[in-house]
Protein backbone atom coordinates (compact mmCIF):
# COMPACT_ATOMS: atom_id res chain seq x y z
CA MET A 1 21.97 17.79 23.87
CA THR A 2 22.96 21.43 24.34
CA LEU A 3 20.37 24.21 24.30
CA GLU A 4 22.91 26.60 22.78
CA ALA A 5 23.77 24.61 19.65
CA LEU A 6 23.33 26.55 16.42
CA SER A 7 22.45 23.46 14.40
CA PRO A 8 19.43 21.40 15.50
CA LEU A 9 21.46 18.30 14.60
CA ASP A 10 23.77 19.10 17.52
CA GLY A 11 20.99 20.43 19.73
CA ARG A 12 17.43 19.14 19.59
CA TYR A 13 18.36 16.09 17.49
CA ALA A 14 21.78 15.36 18.97
CA GLU A 15 20.85 11.83 19.99
CA GLN A 16 19.57 10.82 16.56
CA SER A 17 22.56 12.29 14.72
CA ALA A 18 25.17 11.04 17.20
CA PRO A 19 26.31 7.99 15.16
CA LEU A 20 27.58 10.27 12.38
CA ARG A 21 29.89 12.29 14.62
CA ALA A 22 32.48 9.52 14.43
CA TYR A 23 32.73 10.27 10.70
CA PHE A 24 31.90 13.93 10.08
CA SER A 25 32.86 15.95 13.14
CA GLU A 26 35.99 18.10 13.12
CA ALA A 27 37.66 15.54 15.37
CA ALA A 28 36.75 12.76 12.95
CA LEU A 29 38.32 14.62 10.03
CA ILE A 30 41.50 15.21 12.03
CA LYS A 31 41.70 11.53 13.04
CA HIS A 32 41.29 10.37 9.47
CA ARG A 33 44.01 12.78 8.31
CA ILE A 34 46.36 11.37 10.96
CA MET A 35 45.56 7.86 9.75
CA VAL A 36 46.27 8.74 6.11
CA GLU A 37 49.61 10.35 6.99
CA ALA A 38 50.63 7.42 9.20
CA ARG A 39 49.59 4.75 6.70
CA TYR A 40 51.35 6.65 3.92
CA LEU A 41 54.60 6.61 5.88
CA ILE A 42 54.24 2.85 6.35
CA ALA A 43 53.63 2.44 2.60
CA LEU A 44 56.74 4.51 1.83
CA SER A 45 58.73 2.21 4.07
CA GLU A 46 57.35 -0.90 2.38
CA ALA A 47 58.21 0.57 -1.02
CA ARG A 48 61.75 1.27 0.25
CA VAL A 49 61.40 4.99 -0.27
CA CYS A 50 62.53 5.28 3.34
CA ARG A 51 63.99 2.85 5.84
CA LYS A 52 62.20 -0.18 7.21
CA LEU A 53 59.96 0.30 10.24
CA SER A 54 60.28 -1.90 13.30
CA LYS A 55 57.33 -3.64 14.89
CA GLN A 56 57.50 -1.19 17.78
CA GLU A 57 57.49 1.79 15.41
CA ARG A 58 54.46 0.45 13.60
CA GLY A 59 52.80 0.09 17.00
CA LEU A 60 53.59 3.72 17.82
CA LEU A 61 52.05 4.85 14.53
CA ALA A 62 48.96 2.78 15.28
CA GLU A 63 48.65 4.52 18.65
CA LEU A 64 49.02 7.93 17.03
CA GLU A 65 46.28 7.02 14.54
CA LYS A 66 43.75 6.85 17.37
CA GLY A 67 43.85 10.65 17.61
CA ASP A 68 42.34 11.14 21.06
CA ALA A 69 40.73 14.39 22.21
CA ALA A 70 44.04 15.79 23.44
CA ALA A 71 45.64 15.14 20.06
CA CYS A 72 42.82 16.88 18.22
CA GLU A 73 43.02 19.88 20.54
CA ALA A 74 46.79 20.09 20.04
CA ILE A 75 46.40 19.96 16.26
CA LYS A 76 43.77 22.71 16.35
CA ALA A 77 46.16 24.83 18.40
CA ILE A 78 48.85 24.37 15.75
CA GLU A 79 46.33 25.25 13.05
CA ASP A 80 45.59 28.51 14.86
CA GLU A 81 49.19 29.47 14.14
CA THR A 82 49.72 27.91 10.70
CA LYS A 83 46.23 28.68 9.34
CA HIS A 84 46.51 25.34 7.52
CA ASP A 85 44.65 22.28 8.78
CA VAL A 86 46.60 19.55 6.96
CA LYS A 87 49.99 21.10 7.74
CA ALA A 88 48.95 21.20 11.38
CA VAL A 89 48.59 17.40 11.34
CA GLU A 90 52.06 17.03 9.83
CA TYR A 91 53.61 19.34 12.44
CA TRP A 92 51.85 17.51 15.27
CA LEU A 93 53.20 14.19 14.02
CA ARG A 94 56.69 15.67 13.86
CA GLU A 95 56.37 16.71 17.48
CA ARG A 96 55.24 13.23 18.46
CA PHE A 97 58.15 11.68 16.57
CA ARG A 98 60.63 13.84 18.46
CA GLY A 99 62.52 11.83 21.06
CA THR A 100 61.46 8.49 19.54
CA SER A 101 63.11 6.18 17.02
CA LEU A 102 60.82 7.69 14.38
CA GLN A 103 62.43 11.12 14.64
CA ASP A 104 64.73 10.51 11.66
CA LEU A 105 61.64 9.89 9.51
CA SER A 106 60.09 13.30 10.19
CA PRO A 107 61.20 14.58 6.74
CA MET A 108 59.19 11.76 5.16
CA LEU A 109 55.93 12.90 6.71
CA HIS A 110 53.63 14.27 4.00
CA PHE A 111 56.38 13.40 1.50
CA CYS A 112 55.58 14.87 -1.95
CA LEU A 113 51.90 15.13 -1.08
CA THR A 114 49.49 17.99 -1.56
CA SER A 115 46.73 18.64 0.95
CA SER A 116 44.12 17.20 -1.40
CA ASP A 117 45.92 13.85 -1.41
CA VAL A 118 45.31 13.66 2.32
CA ASN A 119 41.88 15.28 2.41
CA ASP A 120 40.36 13.39 -0.50
CA THR A 121 41.59 10.11 0.98
CA ALA A 122 40.35 11.02 4.45
CA TYR A 123 36.91 11.99 3.18
CA ALA A 124 36.64 8.83 1.08
CA LEU A 125 37.34 6.79 4.23
CA MET A 126 34.82 8.81 6.22
CA LEU A 127 32.16 8.35 3.55
CA ARG A 128 32.79 4.63 3.26
CA GLY A 129 32.70 4.16 7.03
CA SER A 130 29.54 6.20 7.52
CA LEU A 131 27.74 4.31 4.77
CA LYS A 132 28.77 0.90 6.09
CA ASP A 133 28.35 1.53 9.81
CA VAL A 134 25.51 4.08 10.01
CA LEU A 135 23.48 4.67 6.87
CA LEU A 136 23.08 1.14 5.55
CA PRO A 137 22.10 -0.33 8.95
CA SER A 138 19.47 2.40 9.29
CA LEU A 139 18.13 1.67 5.81
CA ASP A 140 18.16 -2.06 6.49
CA ALA A 141 15.96 -1.43 9.54
CA LEU A 142 13.49 0.48 7.39
CA ARG A 143 13.60 -2.24 4.76
CA SER A 144 12.82 -4.87 7.39
CA THR A 145 9.84 -2.85 8.62
CA LEU A 146 8.49 -2.36 5.10
CA ALA A 147 8.91 -6.07 4.39
CA ASP A 148 6.98 -6.90 7.55
CA LEU A 149 4.14 -4.49 6.70
CA SER A 150 4.01 -5.82 3.13
CA ASP A 151 3.66 -9.40 4.35
CA ARG A 152 1.35 -8.72 7.29
CA TYR A 153 -1.20 -6.80 5.21
CA ALA A 154 -0.68 -8.60 1.90
CA GLU A 155 -4.32 -9.73 1.78
CA LEU A 156 -6.00 -6.73 3.42
CA PRO A 157 -8.09 -5.09 0.67
CA MET A 158 -8.10 -1.35 0.31
CA LEU A 159 -9.73 1.11 -2.06
CA ALA A 160 -7.04 2.65 -4.21
CA ARG A 161 -7.17 6.27 -5.30
CA THR A 162 -5.82 7.73 -8.51
CA HIS A 163 -6.11 11.50 -8.97
CA GLY A 164 -7.62 11.38 -5.48
CA GLN A 165 -10.66 9.49 -6.78
CA PRO A 166 -11.78 5.90 -6.06
CA ALA A 167 -9.93 3.42 -8.27
CA SER A 168 -9.45 -0.34 -8.65
CA PRO A 169 -8.85 -1.91 -5.23
CA THR A 170 -5.44 -3.01 -4.04
CA THR A 171 -4.14 -4.38 -0.75
CA LEU A 172 -2.39 -2.38 1.92
CA GLY A 173 0.53 -4.79 1.91
CA LYS A 174 1.05 -4.47 -1.83
CA GLU A 175 1.22 -0.67 -1.53
CA PHE A 176 3.96 -0.98 1.10
CA ALA A 177 5.70 -3.48 -1.18
CA VAL A 178 5.88 -0.84 -3.93
CA PHE A 179 8.09 1.27 -1.67
CA LEU A 180 10.05 -1.80 -0.60
CA SER A 181 10.80 -2.61 -4.24
CA ARG A 182 11.92 0.95 -4.95
CA LEU A 183 14.12 0.98 -1.85
CA ASP A 184 15.75 -2.31 -2.84
CA GLY A 185 16.90 -0.75 -6.10
CA ARG A 186 18.56 2.14 -4.31
CA LEU A 187 20.07 -0.14 -1.66
CA SER A 188 21.70 -2.22 -4.38
CA ALA A 189 23.15 0.94 -5.89
CA LEU A 190 24.47 2.11 -2.51
CA LYS A 191 26.16 -1.22 -1.87
CA ARG A 192 27.90 -0.96 -5.24
CA CYS A 193 29.25 2.52 -4.58
CA ALA A 194 33.01 2.84 -5.02
CA PHE A 195 34.97 5.37 -2.99
CA ALA A 196 37.65 7.11 -5.00
CA ALA A 197 40.71 9.05 -3.89
CA LYS A 198 43.91 10.36 -5.43
CA LEU A 199 47.58 10.33 -4.45
CA ASN A 200 49.40 12.07 -7.27
CA GLY A 201 50.63 15.41 -6.05
CA ALA A 202 50.02 19.08 -6.70
CA THR A 203 48.53 18.87 -10.19
CA GLY A 204 47.96 15.15 -10.57
CA ASN A 205 51.19 14.31 -12.44
CA TYR A 206 53.30 12.72 -9.65
CA SER A 207 55.91 15.37 -10.52
CA ALA A 208 57.48 15.84 -7.08
CA MET A 209 57.36 12.10 -6.43
CA ARG A 210 59.12 11.24 -9.66
CA ALA A 211 61.72 13.94 -9.08
CA ALA A 212 62.47 12.78 -5.52
CA ALA A 213 62.34 8.99 -6.05
CA PRO A 214 62.43 8.24 -9.79
CA ARG A 215 62.92 4.47 -9.39
CA VAL A 216 59.44 4.06 -7.83
CA ASP A 217 56.44 3.39 -10.06
CA TRP A 218 54.31 6.04 -8.39
CA PRO A 219 51.02 5.40 -10.21
CA ALA A 220 51.24 1.73 -9.17
CA PHE A 221 52.24 2.80 -5.65
CA ALA A 222 49.20 5.07 -5.37
CA GLU A 223 46.88 2.36 -6.61
CA ARG A 224 48.27 -0.19 -4.13
CA PHE A 225 48.16 2.24 -1.24
CA LEU A 226 44.58 3.35 -1.83
CA PHE A 227 43.47 -0.23 -2.46
CA SER A 228 44.95 -1.20 0.91
CA LEU A 229 42.58 1.34 2.46
CA GLY A 230 39.60 -0.07 0.59
CA LEU A 231 39.53 2.78 -1.92
CA ARG A 232 39.75 3.10 -5.68
CA ALA A 233 42.53 5.22 -7.17
CA SER A 234 41.57 7.92 -9.65
CA PRO A 235 44.51 7.87 -12.10
CA LEU A 236 43.72 11.08 -13.97
CA THR A 237 43.01 14.14 -11.85
CA THR A 238 43.91 17.77 -11.30
CA GLN A 239 44.97 18.74 -7.79
CA VAL A 240 41.66 17.33 -6.57
CA GLU A 241 39.86 14.04 -7.10
CA PRO A 242 36.98 14.82 -9.50
CA LYS A 243 34.28 13.67 -7.03
CA ASP A 244 32.21 11.90 -9.68
CA SER A 245 31.91 8.79 -7.51
CA LEU A 246 30.93 11.01 -4.58
CA ALA A 247 28.23 12.62 -6.73
CA GLU A 248 26.88 9.15 -7.55
CA LEU A 249 26.63 8.39 -3.83
CA LEU A 250 24.92 11.70 -3.09
CA ASP A 251 22.49 11.25 -5.98
CA THR A 252 21.65 7.73 -4.85
CA LEU A 253 20.94 8.95 -1.33
CA ARG A 254 18.77 11.67 -2.82
CA GLY A 255 16.85 8.93 -4.61
CA VAL A 256 16.36 7.08 -1.33
CA ASN A 257 15.07 10.27 0.27
CA SER A 258 12.68 10.91 -2.62
CA ILE A 259 11.21 7.44 -2.15
CA PHE A 260 10.80 8.06 1.57
CA THR A 261 9.22 11.48 0.94
CA ASP A 262 6.62 9.74 -1.21
CA LEU A 263 6.08 7.11 1.50
CA SER A 264 5.78 9.74 4.26
CA ARG A 265 3.19 11.71 2.30
CA ASP A 266 1.16 8.59 1.49
CA CYS A 267 1.13 7.51 5.14
CA TRP A 268 0.08 11.05 6.10
CA LEU A 269 -2.78 10.89 3.60
CA TYR A 270 -3.86 7.39 4.66
CA ILE A 271 -4.03 8.64 8.25
CA SER A 272 -6.03 11.73 7.26
CA MET A 273 -8.42 9.56 5.20
CA GLY A 274 -8.96 7.17 8.10
CA TYR A 275 -7.28 4.21 6.39
CA LEU A 276 -4.57 4.08 9.06
CA VAL A 277 -4.71 4.84 12.76
CA GLN A 278 -1.84 5.74 15.09
CA SER A 279 -1.11 4.34 18.50
CA THR A 280 -1.06 6.91 21.28
CA ALA A 281 0.93 7.50 24.45
CA LYS A 282 -0.98 8.84 27.45
CA ALA A 283 1.43 11.67 28.26
CA GLU A 284 1.74 12.94 24.69
CA VAL A 285 -0.05 16.07 23.49
CA GLY A 286 -1.22 16.44 19.88
CA SER A 287 -2.31 20.08 19.93
CA SER A 288 -1.84 22.95 22.37
CA THR A 289 -5.53 23.83 22.06
CA MET A 290 -7.38 20.80 20.59
CA PRO A 291 -7.24 17.94 23.12
CA HIS A 292 -8.49 15.28 20.69
CA LYS A 293 -5.64 15.58 18.18
CA VAL A 294 -3.28 12.70 17.33
CA ASN A 295 -1.10 14.31 14.69
CA PRO A 296 1.12 12.37 12.22
CA ILE A 297 4.18 14.20 13.52
CA ASP A 298 6.71 11.47 12.74
CA PHE A 299 5.79 11.46 9.06
CA GLU A 300 5.79 15.26 9.00
CA ASN A 301 9.20 15.42 10.67
CA ALA A 302 10.49 12.86 8.19
CA GLU A 303 9.13 14.78 5.21
CA GLY A 304 10.65 18.08 6.33
CA ASN A 305 14.08 16.61 6.97
CA LEU A 306 14.02 14.58 3.76
CA GLU A 307 13.33 17.69 1.72
CA LEU A 308 16.01 19.66 3.56
CA ALA A 309 18.54 16.86 3.10
CA ASN A 310 17.74 16.56 -0.59
CA ALA A 311 18.18 20.27 -1.17
CA MET A 312 21.66 19.93 0.30
CA LEU A 313 22.44 16.71 -1.58
CA VAL A 314 21.52 18.32 -4.91
CA PHE A 315 23.77 21.29 -4.15
CA LEU A 316 26.65 19.11 -2.96
CA SER A 317 26.45 16.87 -6.02
CA GLU A 318 26.44 19.86 -8.37
CA LYS A 319 29.10 21.85 -6.53
CA LEU A 320 31.68 19.22 -5.70
CA THR A 321 32.15 17.95 -9.25
CA LYS A 322 33.42 21.36 -10.35
CA SER A 323 36.74 23.07 -9.56
CA ARG A 324 38.29 25.96 -11.48
CA LEU A 325 41.21 24.90 -13.68
CA GLN A 326 43.48 22.66 -11.60
CA ARG A 327 41.95 23.64 -8.24
CA ASP A 328 40.04 26.24 -6.29
CA LEU A 329 39.30 26.08 -2.59
CA SER A 330 35.55 26.76 -2.63
CA ASP A 331 34.86 23.05 -2.22
CA SER A 332 36.68 22.85 1.11
CA THR A 333 34.01 24.52 3.23
CA VAL A 334 31.28 22.74 1.27
CA MET A 335 32.77 19.28 1.91
CA ARG A 336 32.42 19.89 5.63
CA ASN A 337 28.64 19.95 5.17
CA ILE A 338 28.29 16.44 3.77
CA GLY A 339 27.72 15.23 7.31
CA VAL A 340 24.93 17.78 7.73
CA ALA A 341 23.08 16.40 4.70
CA PHE A 342 23.64 12.86 5.97
CA GLY A 343 22.50 13.95 9.43
CA HIS A 344 19.16 15.27 8.22
CA SER A 345 18.72 12.10 6.16
CA LEU A 346 19.42 9.91 9.19
CA LEU A 347 17.07 11.98 11.33
CA ALA A 348 14.32 11.62 8.72
CA TRP A 349 14.82 7.86 8.49
CA SER A 350 14.60 7.60 12.28
CA SER A 351 11.33 9.55 12.31
CA LEU A 352 9.92 7.50 9.44
CA LEU A 353 10.80 4.24 11.20
CA LYS A 354 9.14 5.52 14.36
CA GLY A 355 6.02 6.52 12.43
CA LEU A 356 5.74 3.17 10.67
CA GLY A 357 5.95 1.48 14.05
CA LYS A 358 2.89 3.38 15.30
CA ILE A 359 0.42 2.72 12.50
CA ALA A 360 -2.21 0.04 12.04
CA PRO A 361 -4.98 -0.32 9.47
CA ASN A 362 -8.54 0.70 10.31
CA GLU A 363 -9.90 -2.53 8.86
CA ARG A 364 -13.58 -1.78 9.45
CA PHE A 365 -13.27 1.55 7.66
CA LEU A 366 -11.28 0.03 4.79
CA LEU A 367 -13.98 -2.56 4.15
CA ALA A 368 -16.75 0.02 4.43
CA GLU A 369 -14.98 2.19 1.85
CA LEU A 370 -14.82 -0.74 -0.54
CA ASP A 371 -18.48 -1.59 -0.03
CA ALA A 372 -19.42 2.04 -0.71
CA HIS A 373 -17.78 2.04 -4.13
CA PRO A 374 -19.09 -0.83 -6.27
CA GLU A 375 -18.35 1.29 -9.35
CA VAL A 376 -14.74 0.10 -9.17
CA LEU A 377 -15.97 -3.23 -10.55
CA THR A 378 -16.99 -1.61 -13.83
CA GLU A 379 -13.41 -2.01 -15.00
CA ALA A 380 -13.66 -5.79 -14.71
CA VAL A 381 -17.12 -5.92 -16.27
CA GLN A 382 -16.21 -3.88 -19.35
CA CYS A 383 -13.08 -5.96 -19.94
CA VAL A 384 -15.10 -9.20 -19.79
CA LEU A 385 -17.60 -7.69 -22.24
CA ARG A 386 -14.72 -6.91 -24.62
CA MET A 387 -13.42 -10.48 -24.31
CA HIS A 388 -16.78 -11.75 -25.51
CA GLY A 389 -17.03 -9.35 -28.43
CA VAL A 390 -19.68 -7.09 -26.93
CA GLU A 391 -19.42 -3.77 -28.70
CA GLU A 392 -19.36 -0.54 -26.72
CA GLY A 393 -19.08 -2.35 -23.39
CA TYR A 394 -16.93 0.46 -22.01
CA GLU A 395 -19.28 3.15 -23.29
CA ARG A 396 -22.35 1.44 -21.81
CA LEU A 397 -20.73 1.29 -18.38
CA LYS A 398 -19.53 4.86 -18.67
CA GLU A 399 -23.12 5.96 -19.28
CA LEU A 400 -24.29 3.89 -16.33
CA SER A 401 -21.69 4.97 -13.76
CA ARG A 402 -19.76 8.14 -14.58
CA GLY A 403 -20.51 11.13 -12.39
CA ARG A 404 -23.16 9.41 -10.26
CA GLU A 405 -23.46 6.97 -7.39
CA LEU A 406 -23.81 3.41 -8.60
CA THR A 407 -25.27 0.73 -6.35
CA LEU A 408 -24.14 -2.87 -6.42
CA GLN A 409 -27.68 -3.91 -7.34
CA GLU A 410 -27.69 -1.59 -10.36
CA LEU A 411 -24.39 -3.04 -11.52
CA ARG A 412 -25.68 -6.59 -11.11
CA SER A 413 -28.82 -5.75 -13.07
CA PHE A 414 -26.61 -4.40 -15.84
CA ILE A 415 -24.56 -7.62 -15.86
CA GLU A 416 -27.73 -9.73 -16.07
CA SER A 417 -28.85 -7.78 -19.14
CA GLN A 418 -25.67 -8.38 -21.11
CA PRO A 419 -25.21 -11.05 -23.84
CA LEU A 420 -22.69 -13.10 -21.85
CA PRO A 421 -22.45 -16.85 -21.16
CA ASP A 422 -24.14 -17.84 -17.91
CA LYS A 423 -20.79 -18.94 -16.48
CA GLU A 424 -19.31 -15.48 -17.02
CA LYS A 425 -22.38 -13.75 -15.63
CA LYS A 426 -22.20 -15.91 -12.52
CA ARG A 427 -18.53 -15.06 -12.05
CA LEU A 428 -19.13 -11.32 -12.42
CA LEU A 429 -22.19 -11.37 -10.16
CA ALA A 430 -20.14 -13.04 -7.41
CA MET A 431 -17.44 -10.40 -7.63
CA SER A 432 -17.06 -7.87 -4.81
CA PRO A 433 -14.81 -4.82 -4.38
CA ARG A 434 -13.38 -6.69 -1.37
CA ASP A 435 -11.83 -9.38 -3.57
CA TYR A 436 -11.14 -7.47 -6.76
CA PHE A 437 -7.41 -6.95 -6.32
CA GLY A 438 -5.75 -9.23 -8.86
CA TYR A 439 -2.38 -10.61 -7.83
CA ALA A 440 -1.88 -8.01 -5.08
CA PRO A 441 -1.27 -10.53 -2.24
CA SER A 442 1.41 -12.45 -4.13
CA LEU A 443 2.96 -9.20 -5.36
CA ALA A 444 3.10 -7.97 -1.77
CA ARG A 445 4.98 -11.10 -0.71
CA SER A 446 7.29 -11.29 -3.71
CA LEU A 447 10.15 -9.42 -2.02
CA ARG A 448 10.38 -11.17 1.34
């Protein structure tokens, strides 16, 4: 952590965002560009566009792909002169080829490519790697925690609230399972995401490629090459890949964050209502002036970063799918901020996971809340009355209960007075808010 960082992701939250630096730092972008250029040269050799590479030459290219700190610094120095980041990579590779058996292949570096061929491929690789190695593992950890909470509290009854008012009881585990179910849908979508790139030249027509090496089937070459990198080729593009698949990824992540915003707010409310309590650490301080405070800071941190990330994800999704005519450069600086949006998402997920690990139900309070609201049983009573053809069952209970405190004894007296079979009366009289939660326990455990 540095105290002089402009972005909190590289300052205050440097530790939490660290895993993404391997994919979205300037050095990471340079390394991925080197890899694309090196792999492209190998593919040209295999397609007999240039001479065959020896085992030793392939080994040298593999070493160059590693792009250590010195390599990145050297490339940035070249960029200072050329004012072109992709060309700087090409020139650096030429320098590294000099004095080796690869020197004669220097003219084939960046052969017939435009910068977008390299950049779009590099970014697709960075996105795929970050999703596989950083984002999905983080989401899987949250999923595991939600699954555990759903199962552990599957049978713990809780007064539900709709419009902020007492409503038909549920169980705490089932309410966590709702978020688990929603997350599973987004996780499935993330795991299906395809990462698209293009390799078709300045305006997407393979013009230079066909002119220089007409015997090669360049569309097939591009498809094979990108497939070898784990990417999908976009066959019809302008100078840039359209970014529709990227937008799908960004929108799916936004959906994940929206689910977690909802979860963070609910946990915050459950804590404020006394339904949940937080574990404390002796050295921690909740308020600078109120010694008693144990604030829900993890859920608040998560909510703030989720909203910030989503604002960026919306903008990125809208912006990156548009480019004037065959290309404008306004997307270039914007693309560099994908990692920032991912960083705030990752930070939020970390805070949310931490918060979920600190909470426990206040069981005594939950049961007391249920006992204090016998009116929630009126739903069951009026439905049983309907089943037995009792007219105006709903209206009778509305008159009895709406806008006033209803005691359990009053409700039982009402049940006794109704024209119901003794068996049904007995069943309703035995009912308690503590056990009026339908299939909630099995629903809570349905996603294990």
